[in-house]
Amino acid sequence: MPFASGRDVIAQAQSGTGKTATYTTGVLQRIDAEKDRLQALILLPTIPLAQQVDDVVNALSLHMKIKTALCVGGTP
């Protein structure tokens, strides 16, 4: 089990199959709300995808009492 062992996971599937919710749920399960420090980092290749994942993370963690941040950068 990749999440139980704490190792990296690479997943590939077609659009609309629930990949974002699946890995986000796995990441959120590992968060300890009592610890006030960085516990997870999700890196994405584009700003629109980062915004989409941020929306999913915020929706799924709504009642978890954790802090999230969307950080984007780059040049046009």
N, C-alpha and C. Protein backbone atom coordinates (compact mmCIF):
# COMPACT_ATOMS: atom_id res chain seq x y z
N MET A 1 0.83 -1.18 0.00
CA MET A 1 0.00 0.00 0.00
C MET A 1 0.88 1.24 0.00
N PRO A 2 0.84 2.03 -1.07
CA PRO A 2 1.72 3.19 -1.16
C PRO A 2 1.48 4.24 -0.07
N PHE A 3 0.22 4.53 0.28
CA PHE A 3 -0.03 5.57 1.27
C PHE A 3 0.41 5.12 2.66
N ALA A 4 0.23 3.87 2.98
CA ALA A 4 0.63 3.36 4.29
C ALA A 4 2.14 3.41 4.47
N SER A 5 2.87 3.24 3.39
CA SER A 5 4.33 3.23 3.49
C SER A 5 4.92 4.64 3.38
N GLY A 6 4.11 5.64 3.01
CA GLY A 6 4.59 7.00 2.91
C GLY A 6 5.43 7.27 1.68
N ARG A 7 5.33 6.44 0.67
CA ARG A 7 6.12 6.62 -0.54
C ARG A 7 5.36 7.44 -1.57
N ASP A 8 6.09 7.94 -2.58
CA ASP A 8 5.48 8.70 -3.66
C ASP A 8 4.60 7.78 -4.51
N VAL A 9 3.59 8.41 -5.13
CA VAL A 9 2.68 7.67 -6.00
C VAL A 9 2.57 8.42 -7.32
N ILE A 10 2.63 7.71 -8.42
CA ILE A 10 2.38 8.27 -9.74
C ILE A 10 1.15 7.55 -10.28
N ALA A 11 0.11 8.32 -10.62
CA ALA A 11 -1.14 7.73 -11.10
C ALA A 11 -1.51 8.34 -12.44
N GLN A 12 -2.06 7.53 -13.30
CA GLN A 12 -2.50 8.01 -14.60
C GLN A 12 -3.84 7.36 -14.92
N ALA A 13 -4.82 8.18 -15.28
CA ALA A 13 -6.13 7.68 -15.66
C ALA A 13 -6.82 8.75 -16.50
N GLN A 14 -7.90 8.38 -17.14
CA GLN A 14 -8.60 9.32 -18.01
C GLN A 14 -9.27 10.43 -17.21
N SER A 15 -9.58 11.50 -17.90
CA SER A 15 -10.23 12.65 -17.30
C SER A 15 -11.59 12.26 -16.73
N GLY A 16 -11.92 12.81 -15.56
CA GLY A 16 -13.22 12.59 -14.96
C GLY A 16 -13.37 11.30 -14.18
N THR A 17 -12.26 10.64 -13.84
CA THR A 17 -12.34 9.36 -13.14
C THR A 17 -12.15 9.48 -11.63
N GLY A 18 -11.92 10.68 -11.13
CA GLY A 18 -11.81 10.87 -9.69
C GLY A 18 -10.40 10.82 -9.14
N LYS A 19 -9.40 11.04 -9.98
CA LYS A 19 -8.01 11.00 -9.51
C LYS A 19 -7.76 12.03 -8.42
N THR A 20 -8.21 13.26 -8.64
CA THR A 20 -7.95 14.35 -7.69
C THR A 20 -8.54 14.03 -6.33
N ALA A 21 -9.79 13.63 -6.29
CA ALA A 21 -10.43 13.31 -5.01
C ALA A 21 -9.74 12.12 -4.36
N THR A 22 -9.30 11.17 -5.16
CA THR A 22 -8.66 9.97 -4.61
C THR A 22 -7.35 10.31 -3.91
N TYR A 23 -6.45 11.02 -4.59
CA TYR A 23 -5.17 11.29 -3.93
C TYR A 23 -5.31 12.36 -2.87
N THR A 24 -6.26 13.28 -3.03
CA THR A 24 -6.47 14.29 -2.00
C THR A 24 -6.96 13.65 -0.70
N THR A 25 -7.87 12.70 -0.82
CA THR A 25 -8.35 11.99 0.36
C THR A 25 -7.20 11.28 1.08
N GLY A 26 -6.33 10.64 0.31
CA GLY A 26 -5.17 9.98 0.90
C GLY A 26 -4.24 10.94 1.61
N VAL A 27 -4.02 12.10 1.00
CA VAL A 27 -3.17 13.12 1.62
C VAL A 27 -3.81 13.64 2.91
N LEU A 28 -5.10 13.95 2.85
CA LEU A 28 -5.78 14.51 4.01
C LEU A 28 -5.84 13.53 5.18
N GLN A 29 -5.88 12.24 4.89
CA GLN A 29 -5.90 11.24 5.96
C GLN A 29 -4.62 11.24 6.77
N ARG A 30 -3.54 11.72 6.18
CA ARG A 30 -2.25 11.73 6.86
C ARG A 30 -2.00 13.02 7.65
N ILE A 31 -2.90 13.99 7.54
CA ILE A 31 -2.73 15.28 8.21
C ILE A 31 -3.15 15.16 9.68
N ASP A 32 -2.32 15.69 10.57
CA ASP A 32 -2.63 15.76 11.99
C ASP A 32 -2.96 17.22 12.30
N ALA A 33 -4.23 17.53 12.50
CA ALA A 33 -4.68 18.91 12.70
C ALA A 33 -4.07 19.54 13.95
N GLU A 34 -3.56 18.75 14.87
CA GLU A 34 -2.96 19.27 16.10
C GLU A 34 -1.55 19.82 15.85
N LYS A 35 -0.93 19.44 14.76
CA LYS A 35 0.42 19.90 14.46
C LYS A 35 0.36 21.12 13.54
N ASP A 36 0.91 22.23 14.00
CA ASP A 36 0.89 23.48 13.24
C ASP A 36 2.19 23.60 12.43
N ARG A 37 2.27 22.78 11.40
CA ARG A 37 3.44 22.81 10.52
C ARG A 37 3.04 22.24 9.16
N LEU A 38 3.88 22.45 8.17
CA LEU A 38 3.63 21.89 6.84
C LEU A 38 3.67 20.37 6.91
N GLN A 39 2.63 19.73 6.42
CA GLN A 39 2.56 18.28 6.45
C GLN A 39 2.35 17.66 5.08
N ALA A 40 1.97 18.47 4.11
CA ALA A 40 1.74 17.94 2.76
C ALA A 40 2.01 19.03 1.74
N LEU A 41 2.50 18.63 0.59
CA LEU A 41 2.76 19.54 -0.51
C LEU A 41 2.34 18.84 -1.79
N ILE A 42 1.46 19.48 -2.54
CA ILE A 42 1.00 18.93 -3.81
C ILE A 42 1.53 19.85 -4.90
N LEU A 43 2.36 19.34 -5.78
CA LEU A 43 2.94 20.12 -6.87
C LEU A 43 2.21 19.81 -8.16
N LEU A 44 1.84 20.86 -8.91
CA LEU A 44 1.10 20.68 -10.15
C LEU A 44 1.71 21.52 -11.26
N PRO A 45 1.58 21.08 -12.52
CA PRO A 45 2.29 21.74 -13.61
C PRO A 45 1.65 23.02 -14.15
N THR A 46 0.38 23.28 -13.86
CA THR A 46 -0.27 24.48 -14.41
C THR A 46 -1.08 25.19 -13.33
N ILE A 47 -1.28 26.49 -13.54
CA ILE A 47 -2.07 27.27 -12.60
C ILE A 47 -3.54 26.82 -12.58
N PRO A 48 -4.18 26.60 -13.73
CA PRO A 48 -5.58 26.14 -13.68
C PRO A 48 -5.74 24.81 -12.95
N LEU A 49 -4.82 23.89 -13.14
CA LEU A 49 -4.90 22.61 -12.43
C LEU A 49 -4.68 22.82 -10.93
N ALA A 50 -3.77 23.70 -10.57
CA ALA A 50 -3.53 24.00 -9.16
C ALA A 50 -4.79 24.59 -8.52
N GLN A 51 -5.49 25.46 -9.23
CA GLN A 51 -6.72 26.05 -8.71
C GLN A 51 -7.80 24.99 -8.56
N GLN A 52 -7.89 24.08 -9.51
CA GLN A 52 -8.88 23.00 -9.44
C GLN A 52 -8.61 22.10 -8.23
N VAL A 53 -7.36 21.73 -8.04
CA VAL A 53 -7.01 20.87 -6.91
C VAL A 53 -7.22 21.61 -5.59
N ASP A 54 -6.92 22.89 -5.55
CA ASP A 54 -7.16 23.69 -4.35
C ASP A 54 -8.64 23.67 -3.98
N ASP A 55 -9.51 23.78 -4.96
CA ASP A 55 -10.95 23.73 -4.71
C ASP A 55 -11.35 22.38 -4.10
N VAL A 56 -10.79 21.30 -4.62
CA VAL A 56 -11.11 19.96 -4.11
C VAL A 56 -10.57 19.79 -2.69
N VAL A 57 -9.34 20.22 -2.46
CA VAL A 57 -8.75 20.12 -1.12
C VAL A 57 -9.60 20.89 -0.11
N ASN A 58 -9.99 22.10 -0.47
CA ASN A 58 -10.79 22.91 0.45
C ASN A 58 -12.17 22.29 0.70
N ALA A 59 -12.77 21.71 -0.32
CA ALA A 59 -14.08 21.08 -0.15
C ALA A 59 -13.98 19.84 0.74
N LEU A 60 -12.97 19.03 0.52
CA LEU A 60 -12.84 17.79 1.28
C LEU A 60 -12.34 18.01 2.71
N SER A 61 -11.65 19.13 2.94
CA SER A 61 -11.11 19.39 4.29
C SER A 61 -11.93 20.42 5.05
N LEU A 62 -13.13 20.70 4.59
CA LEU A 62 -13.96 21.77 5.14
C LEU A 62 -14.12 21.69 6.66
N HIS A 63 -14.29 20.50 7.20
CA HIS A 63 -14.53 20.35 8.63
C HIS A 63 -13.34 19.78 9.39
N MET A 64 -12.16 19.85 8.80
CA MET A 64 -10.97 19.27 9.41
C MET A 64 -10.19 20.24 10.28
N LYS A 65 -10.50 21.51 10.23
CA LYS A 65 -9.78 22.53 10.99
C LYS A 65 -8.28 22.54 10.67
N ILE A 66 -7.98 22.52 9.36
CA ILE A 66 -6.60 22.63 8.92
C ILE A 66 -6.45 23.86 8.02
N LYS A 67 -5.23 24.32 7.86
CA LYS A 67 -4.95 25.46 7.01
C LYS A 67 -4.45 24.96 5.66
N THR A 68 -4.90 25.61 4.60
CA THR A 68 -4.40 25.29 3.26
C THR A 68 -3.95 26.58 2.60
N ALA A 69 -3.11 26.45 1.61
CA ALA A 69 -2.66 27.62 0.86
C ALA A 69 -2.42 27.22 -0.59
N LEU A 70 -2.83 28.09 -1.49
CA LEU A 70 -2.55 27.91 -2.91
C LEU A 70 -1.44 28.89 -3.27
N CYS A 71 -0.32 28.37 -3.71
CA CYS A 71 0.82 29.20 -4.10
C CYS A 71 1.11 28.93 -5.57
N VAL A 72 1.07 29.95 -6.39
CA VAL A 72 1.35 29.78 -7.81
C VAL A 72 2.39 30.80 -8.24
N GLY A 73 3.07 30.51 -9.30
CA GLY A 73 4.08 31.43 -9.80
C GLY A 73 4.31 31.18 -11.26
N GLY A 74 5.38 31.73 -11.77
CA GLY A 74 5.71 31.54 -13.17
C GLY A 74 5.63 32.82 -13.94
N THR A 75 5.88 32.71 -15.22
CA THR A 75 5.82 33.86 -16.12
C THR A 75 4.91 33.51 -17.29
N PRO A 76 4.26 34.52 -17.88
CA PRO A 76 3.38 34.25 -19.02
C PRO A 76 4.16 33.80 -20.25
